[in-house]
Amino acid sequence: MNKPRTITLAFTGASGMPYGMRLLETLLQHGQHVYLLYSKVAQIVAQQEMGITLPSQPKEAEAFLNQFFNTSTGQLQVFGREAWFSPVASGTNPADAMVVCPCTMGTLAAIAAGMSENLIERAADVMLKEKRQLILVPRESPFSTIHLENMLKLSRCGAIILPANPGFYHHPNTIQDLVDFIVARILDHLKLEQQLMPRWGE
């Protein structure tokens, strides 16, 4: 079930960076090969919500995150927003799955419209056209009609819309428990075993 795969993970500028960072940590712990992409606004959100300064240069970001999560070199690859020769930019070498977490409504709209104006949008477009798994984790409230229509359009195209709406039936005691609830659901959809929270009925 936990055979190593390649997962593209994208951080965008929505609130919810703890979800994205925890997901990155668990993917690396599971031995997955991760392609990481993040927007300029995601860097601002990471600083504001977690006090983390994500470097702008990919190699510096890889070194920083490998040290942050105590992972081995080579498991994580970070790509710049205009790295059009990276594997994620082409359907000839797609990742096994992609998660955008957190996902802004602007990014979601661009993916729904097939814009592909930056590497995050292009990587998501590749997932859709190659019929690979695409999971979008929006963090917005309330949703406008436009947001809902874009999500419906993407759902009909095969994307999984997994809003960052944690449940409470597991009796969370900390914010980390709420974060882990969503990350566990993402891992479930990626078919990765997780010990972050018990399954219903267990």
C-alpha atoms as a PDB file:
ATOM      1  CA  MET A   1       0.000   0.000   0.000  1.00  0.00           C
ATOM      2  CA  ASN A   2       2.906   2.363   0.747  1.00  0.00           C
ATOM      3  CA  LYS A   3       5.007   1.660  -2.356  1.00  0.00           C
ATOM      4  CA  PRO A   4       7.037   4.840  -3.009  1.00  0.00           C
ATOM      5  CA  ARG A   5       5.491   7.072  -5.631  1.00  0.00           C
ATOM      6  CA  THR A   6       5.999  10.587  -6.918  1.00  0.00           C
ATOM      7  CA  ILE A   7       3.636  13.207  -5.524  1.00  0.00           C
ATOM      8  CA  THR A   8       3.494  16.824  -6.679  1.00  0.00           C
ATOM      9  CA  LEU A   9       2.583  19.116  -3.783  1.00  0.00           C
ATOM     10  CA  ALA A  10       1.735  22.764  -4.306  1.00  0.00           C
ATOM     11  CA  PHE A  11       1.318  25.501  -1.696  1.00  0.00           C
ATOM     12  CA  THR A  12      -0.690  28.551  -2.744  1.00  0.00           C
ATOM     13  CA  GLY A  13      -1.632  31.704  -0.875  1.00  0.00           C
ATOM     14  CA  ALA A  14      -4.753  30.575   0.964  1.00  0.00           C
ATOM     15  CA  SER A  15      -4.760  30.424   4.721  1.00  0.00           C
ATOM     16  CA  GLY A  16      -3.956  26.898   5.891  1.00  0.00           C
ATOM     17  CA  MET A  17      -0.190  26.501   5.548  1.00  0.00           C
ATOM     18  CA  PRO A  18      -0.088  24.159   8.579  1.00  0.00           C
ATOM     19  CA  TYR A  19      -2.059  21.664   6.468  1.00  0.00           C
ATOM     20  CA  GLY A  20       0.445  21.855   3.628  1.00  0.00           C
ATOM     21  CA  MET A  21       3.522  21.605   5.814  1.00  0.00           C
ATOM     22  CA  ARG A  22       2.128  18.679   7.791  1.00  0.00           C
ATOM     23  CA  LEU A  23       1.226  16.924   4.555  1.00  0.00           C
ATOM     24  CA  LEU A  24       4.759  17.462   3.238  1.00  0.00           C
ATOM     25  CA  GLU A  25       6.175  16.040   6.460  1.00  0.00           C
ATOM     26  CA  THR A  26       4.017  12.913   6.316  1.00  0.00           C
ATOM     27  CA  LEU A  27       4.706  12.303   2.612  1.00  0.00           C
ATOM     28  CA  LEU A  28       8.429  12.425   3.292  1.00  0.00           C
ATOM     29  CA  GLN A  29       8.011  10.141   6.305  1.00  0.00           C
ATOM     30  CA  HIS A  30       6.203   7.671   4.030  1.00  0.00           C
ATOM     31  CA  GLY A  31       9.217   7.618   1.724  1.00  0.00           C
ATOM     32  CA  GLN A  32       7.410   9.317  -1.142  1.00  0.00           C
ATOM     33  CA  HIS A  33       9.314  11.310  -3.777  1.00  0.00           C
ATOM     34  CA  VAL A  34       7.889  14.837  -3.568  1.00  0.00           C
ATOM     35  CA  TYR A  35       7.970  17.581  -6.180  1.00  0.00           C
ATOM     36  CA  LEU A  36       7.221  20.809  -4.279  1.00  0.00           C
ATOM     37  CA  LEU A  37       5.942  24.022  -5.861  1.00  0.00           C
ATOM     38  CA  TYR A  38       4.837  27.181  -4.074  1.00  0.00           C
ATOM     39  CA  SER A  39       3.683  30.659  -4.966  1.00  0.00           C
ATOM     40  CA  LYS A  40       5.046  33.992  -3.754  1.00  0.00           C
ATOM     41  CA  VAL A  41       1.936  34.540  -1.658  1.00  0.00           C
ATOM     42  CA  ALA A  42       2.393  31.088  -0.100  1.00  0.00           C
ATOM     43  CA  GLN A  43       5.765  32.309   1.169  1.00  0.00           C
ATOM     44  CA  ILE A  44       4.013  35.246   2.841  1.00  0.00           C
ATOM     45  CA  VAL A  45       1.381  32.969   4.375  1.00  0.00           C
ATOM     46  CA  ALA A  46       4.042  30.551   5.665  1.00  0.00           C
ATOM     47  CA  GLN A  47       5.753  33.437   7.449  1.00  0.00           C
ATOM     48  CA  GLN A  48       2.519  34.895   8.817  1.00  0.00           C
ATOM     49  CA  GLU A  49       0.929  31.629   9.988  1.00  0.00           C
ATOM     50  CA  MET A  50       3.957  29.553  11.009  1.00  0.00           C
ATOM     51  CA  GLY A  51       6.924  31.917  11.252  1.00  0.00           C
ATOM     52  CA  ILE A  52       8.640  29.935   8.475  1.00  0.00           C
ATOM     53  CA  THR A  53      10.644  31.670   5.753  1.00  0.00           C
ATOM     54  CA  LEU A  54      10.476  29.550   2.607  1.00  0.00           C
ATOM     55  CA  PRO A  55      13.485  30.396   0.411  1.00  0.00           C
ATOM     56  CA  SER A  56      12.823  31.647  -3.102  1.00  0.00           C
ATOM     57  CA  GLN A  57      15.637  29.632  -4.673  1.00  0.00           C
ATOM     58  CA  PRO A  58      14.774  25.930  -5.190  1.00  0.00           C
ATOM     59  CA  LYS A  59      18.106  24.503  -4.007  1.00  0.00           C
ATOM     60  CA  GLU A  60      18.051  26.673  -0.888  1.00  0.00           C
ATOM     61  CA  ALA A  61      14.465  25.569  -0.254  1.00  0.00           C
ATOM     62  CA  GLU A  62      15.415  21.898  -0.587  1.00  0.00           C
ATOM     63  CA  ALA A  63      18.273  22.301   1.892  1.00  0.00           C
ATOM     64  CA  PHE A  64      16.088  24.212   4.336  1.00  0.00           C
ATOM     65  CA  LEU A  65      13.191  21.728   4.214  1.00  0.00           C
ATOM     66  CA  ASN A  66      15.445  18.670   4.373  1.00  0.00           C
ATOM     67  CA  GLN A  67      16.955  20.093   7.544  1.00  0.00           C
ATOM     68  CA  PHE A  68      13.542  21.180   8.877  1.00  0.00           C
ATOM     69  CA  PHE A  69      12.071  17.680   8.469  1.00  0.00           C
ATOM     70  CA  ASN A  70      15.354  15.784   8.922  1.00  0.00           C
ATOM     71  CA  THR A  71      14.968  13.991   5.587  1.00  0.00           C
ATOM     72  CA  SER A  72      17.552  12.690   3.147  1.00  0.00           C
ATOM     73  CA  THR A  73      18.717  14.622   0.113  1.00  0.00           C
ATOM     74  CA  GLY A  74      17.056  13.604  -3.143  1.00  0.00           C
ATOM     75  CA  GLN A  75      13.642  12.671  -1.792  1.00  0.00           C
ATOM     76  CA  LEU A  76      12.375  16.248  -2.133  1.00  0.00           C
ATOM     77  CA  GLN A  77      12.725  18.386  -5.249  1.00  0.00           C
ATOM     78  CA  VAL A  78      11.617  22.009  -5.269  1.00  0.00           C
ATOM     79  CA  PHE A  79      10.891  23.760  -8.561  1.00  0.00           C
ATOM     80  CA  GLY A  80      10.568  27.461  -9.305  1.00  0.00           C
ATOM     81  CA  ARG A  81       7.387  28.965 -10.668  1.00  0.00           C
ATOM     82  CA  GLU A  82       8.831  29.257 -14.179  1.00  0.00           C
ATOM     83  CA  ALA A  83      10.721  25.936 -14.315  1.00  0.00           C
ATOM     84  CA  TRP A  84       9.123  24.842 -17.575  1.00  0.00           C
ATOM     85  CA  PHE A  85      11.654  22.048 -18.119  1.00  0.00           C
ATOM     86  CA  SER A  86      10.733  20.327 -14.841  1.00  0.00           C
ATOM     87  CA  PRO A  87       9.000  16.913 -15.007  1.00  0.00           C
ATOM     88  CA  VAL A  88       5.664  18.305 -13.764  1.00  0.00           C
ATOM     89  CA  ALA A  89       5.340  20.553 -16.818  1.00  0.00           C
ATOM     90  CA  SER A  90       4.841  17.708 -19.285  1.00  0.00           C
ATOM     91  CA  GLY A  91       2.472  14.809 -19.708  1.00  0.00           C
ATOM     92  CA  THR A  92       5.425  12.685 -20.865  1.00  0.00           C
ATOM     93  CA  ASN A  93       6.674  12.467 -17.263  1.00  0.00           C
ATOM     94  CA  PRO A  94       3.745  13.157 -14.918  1.00  0.00           C
ATOM     95  CA  ALA A  95       3.714  12.543 -11.200  1.00  0.00           C
ATOM     96  CA  ASP A  96       1.480   9.789  -9.869  1.00  0.00           C
ATOM     97  CA  ALA A  97      -0.712  12.328  -8.068  1.00  0.00           C
ATOM     98  CA  MET A  98      -0.868  16.012  -7.203  1.00  0.00           C
ATOM     99  CA  VAL A  99      -2.213  17.878  -4.180  1.00  0.00           C
ATOM    100  CA  VAL A 100      -2.739  21.634  -3.988  1.00  0.00           C
ATOM    101  CA  CYS A 101      -2.874  22.363  -0.256  1.00  0.00           C
ATOM    102  CA  PRO A 102      -3.907  24.978   0.609  1.00  0.00           C
ATOM    103  CA  CYS A 103      -5.602  25.986  -2.632  1.00  0.00           C
ATOM    104  CA  THR A 104      -6.698  29.562  -3.288  1.00  0.00           C
ATOM    105  CA  MET A 105      -9.879  30.281  -5.174  1.00  0.00           C
ATOM    106  CA  GLY A 106      -7.759  32.045  -7.785  1.00  0.00           C
ATOM    107  CA  THR A 107      -5.653  28.944  -8.372  1.00  0.00           C
ATOM    108  CA  LEU A 108      -8.754  26.774  -8.446  1.00  0.00           C
ATOM    109  CA  ALA A 109     -10.351  29.095 -11.015  1.00  0.00           C
ATOM    110  CA  ALA A 110      -7.218  29.117 -13.173  1.00  0.00           C
ATOM    111  CA  ILE A 111      -7.066  25.314 -13.158  1.00  0.00           C
ATOM    112  CA  ALA A 112     -10.771  25.120 -14.012  1.00  0.00           C
ATOM    113  CA  ALA A 113     -10.172  27.464 -16.950  1.00  0.00           C
ATOM    114  CA  GLY A 114      -7.047  25.629 -18.151  1.00  0.00           C
ATOM    115  CA  MET A 115      -4.933  28.773 -17.823  1.00  0.00           C
ATOM    116  CA  SER A 116      -1.502  27.133 -17.185  1.00  0.00           C
ATOM    117  CA  GLU A 117       0.185  30.520 -16.696  1.00  0.00           C
ATOM    118  CA  ASN A 118       2.550  29.251 -13.988  1.00  0.00           C
ATOM    119  CA  LEU A 119       4.014  25.885 -13.066  1.00  0.00           C
ATOM    120  CA  ILE A 120       1.381  25.105 -10.422  1.00  0.00           C
ATOM    121  CA  GLU A 121      -1.447  25.631 -12.909  1.00  0.00           C
ATOM    122  CA  ARG A 122       0.394  23.721 -15.626  1.00  0.00           C
ATOM    123  CA  ALA A 123       1.163  20.779 -13.332  1.00  0.00           C
ATOM    124  CA  ALA A 124      -2.520  20.554 -12.375  1.00  0.00           C
ATOM    125  CA  ASP A 125      -3.536  20.770 -16.025  1.00  0.00           C
ATOM    126  CA  VAL A 126      -1.182  17.865 -16.782  1.00  0.00           C
ATOM    127  CA  MET A 127      -2.850  15.788 -14.053  1.00  0.00           C
ATOM    128  CA  LEU A 128      -6.273  16.363 -15.560  1.00  0.00           C
ATOM    129  CA  LYS A 129      -5.310  15.682 -19.154  1.00  0.00           C
ATOM    130  CA  GLU A 130      -3.335  12.565 -18.230  1.00  0.00           C
ATOM    131  CA  LYS A 131      -6.173  11.279 -15.999  1.00  0.00           C
ATOM    132  CA  ARG A 132      -3.965  11.289 -12.903  1.00  0.00           C
ATOM    133  CA  GLN A 133      -5.190  12.040  -9.396  1.00  0.00           C
ATOM    134  CA  LEU A 134      -5.590  15.727  -8.570  1.00  0.00           C
ATOM    135  CA  ILE A 135      -6.649  16.732  -5.045  1.00  0.00           C
ATOM    136  CA  LEU A 136      -7.524  20.358  -4.340  1.00  0.00           C
ATOM    137  CA  VAL A 137      -7.796  21.543  -0.731  1.00  0.00           C
ATOM    138  CA  PRO A 138      -9.571  24.925  -0.741  1.00  0.00           C
ATOM    139  CA  ARG A 139      -9.674  26.997   2.438  1.00  0.00           C
ATOM    140  CA  GLU A 140     -12.331  29.678   1.982  1.00  0.00           C
ATOM    141  CA  SER A 141     -15.601  30.633   3.630  1.00  0.00           C
ATOM    142  CA  PRO A 142     -18.210  31.257   2.456  1.00  0.00           C
ATOM    143  CA  PHE A 143     -18.001  29.907  -1.086  1.00  0.00           C
ATOM    144  CA  SER A 144     -19.424  32.181  -3.764  1.00  0.00           C
ATOM    145  CA  THR A 145     -21.476  30.830  -6.653  1.00  0.00           C
ATOM    146  CA  ILE A 146     -18.408  31.242  -8.873  1.00  0.00           C
ATOM    147  CA  HIS A 147     -16.299  29.206  -6.449  1.00  0.00           C
ATOM    148  CA  LEU A 148     -18.915  26.451  -6.345  1.00  0.00           C
ATOM    149  CA  GLU A 149     -19.281  26.378 -10.129  1.00  0.00           C
ATOM    150  CA  ASN A 150     -15.500  26.100 -10.556  1.00  0.00           C
ATOM    151  CA  MET A 151     -15.352  23.268  -8.031  1.00  0.00           C
ATOM    152  CA  LEU A 152     -18.218  21.458  -9.750  1.00  0.00           C
ATOM    153  CA  LYS A 153     -16.487  21.837 -13.112  1.00  0.00           C
ATOM    154  CA  LEU A 154     -13.260  20.381 -11.740  1.00  0.00           C
ATOM    155  CA  SER A 155     -15.089  17.573  -9.959  1.00  0.00           C
ATOM    156  CA  ARG A 156     -16.717  16.608 -13.250  1.00  0.00           C
ATOM    157  CA  CYS A 157     -13.230  16.563 -14.804  1.00  0.00           C
ATOM    158  CA  GLY A 158     -12.063  14.062 -12.196  1.00  0.00           C
ATOM    159  CA  ALA A 159     -10.463  16.279  -9.559  1.00  0.00           C
ATOM    160  CA  ILE A 160     -11.137  15.599  -5.884  1.00  0.00           C
ATOM    161  CA  ILE A 161     -12.347  18.650  -3.977  1.00  0.00           C
ATOM    162  CA  LEU A 162     -11.350  18.193  -0.332  1.00  0.00           C
ATOM    163  CA  PRO A 163     -12.076  21.404   1.604  1.00  0.00           C
ATOM    164  CA  ALA A 164     -10.083  22.072   4.761  1.00  0.00           C
ATOM    165  CA  ASN A 165     -13.135  21.499   6.961  1.00  0.00           C
ATOM    166  CA  PRO A 166     -12.067  19.303   9.904  1.00  0.00           C
ATOM    167  CA  GLY A 167     -14.610  17.220  11.790  1.00  0.00           C
ATOM    168  CA  PHE A 168     -14.970  17.024  15.560  1.00  0.00           C
ATOM    169  CA  TYR A 169     -16.170  13.463  16.156  1.00  0.00           C
ATOM    170  CA  HIS A 170     -12.599  12.423  17.015  1.00  0.00           C
ATOM    171  CA  HIS A 171     -12.698  14.865  19.977  1.00  0.00           C
ATOM    172  CA  PRO A 172      -9.733  17.068  19.027  1.00  0.00           C
ATOM    173  CA  ASN A 173      -7.774  18.596  21.880  1.00  0.00           C
ATOM    174  CA  THR A 174      -5.314  20.712  19.913  1.00  0.00           C
ATOM    175  CA  ILE A 175      -5.024  22.635  16.671  1.00  0.00           C
ATOM    176  CA  GLN A 176      -2.644  19.874  15.518  1.00  0.00           C
ATOM    177  CA  ASP A 177      -5.500  17.376  15.915  1.00  0.00           C
ATOM    178  CA  LEU A 178      -7.611  19.489  13.537  1.00  0.00           C
ATOM    179  CA  VAL A 179      -4.745  19.762  11.042  1.00  0.00           C
ATOM    180  CA  ASP A 180      -4.146  16.011  11.203  1.00  0.00           C
ATOM    181  CA  PHE A 181      -7.816  15.319  10.473  1.00  0.00           C
ATOM    182  CA  ILE A 182      -7.512  16.916   7.025  1.00  0.00           C
ATOM    183  CA  VAL A 183      -4.055  15.525   6.291  1.00  0.00           C
ATOM    184  CA  ALA A 184      -5.312  12.048   7.175  1.00  0.00           C
ATOM    185  CA  ARG A 185      -8.129  12.394   4.657  1.00  0.00           C
ATOM    186  CA  ILE A 186      -5.654  13.444   1.967  1.00  0.00           C
ATOM    187  CA  LEU A 187      -3.422  10.465   2.763  1.00  0.00           C
ATOM    188  CA  ASP A 188      -6.456   8.176   2.551  1.00  0.00           C
ATOM    189  CA  HIS A 189      -7.157   9.401  -0.980  1.00  0.00           C
ATOM    190  CA  LEU A 190      -3.499   8.924  -1.886  1.00  0.00           C
ATOM    191  CA  LYS A 191      -3.824   5.326  -0.622  1.00  0.00           C
ATOM    192  CA  LEU A 192      -1.121   5.868   1.998  1.00  0.00           C
ATOM    193  CA  GLU A 193      -1.406   4.310   5.430  1.00  0.00           C
ATOM    194  CA  GLN A 194      -1.733   6.865   8.192  1.00  0.00           C
ATOM    195  CA  GLN A 195      -1.683   6.851  11.976  1.00  0.00           C
ATOM    196  CA  LEU A 196      -2.764  10.453  12.396  1.00  0.00           C
ATOM    197  CA  MET A 197      -6.293   9.602  13.482  1.00  0.00           C
ATOM    198  CA  PRO A 198      -8.412   6.474  13.893  1.00  0.00           C
ATOM    199  CA  ARG A 199     -10.851   5.512  11.156  1.00  0.00           C
ATOM    200  CA  TRP A 200     -14.559   5.618  11.827  1.00  0.00           C
ATOM    201  CA  GLY A 201     -15.622   2.557  13.821  1.00  0.00           C
ATOM    202  CA  GLU A 202     -12.118   1.677  15.008  1.00  0.00           C
END
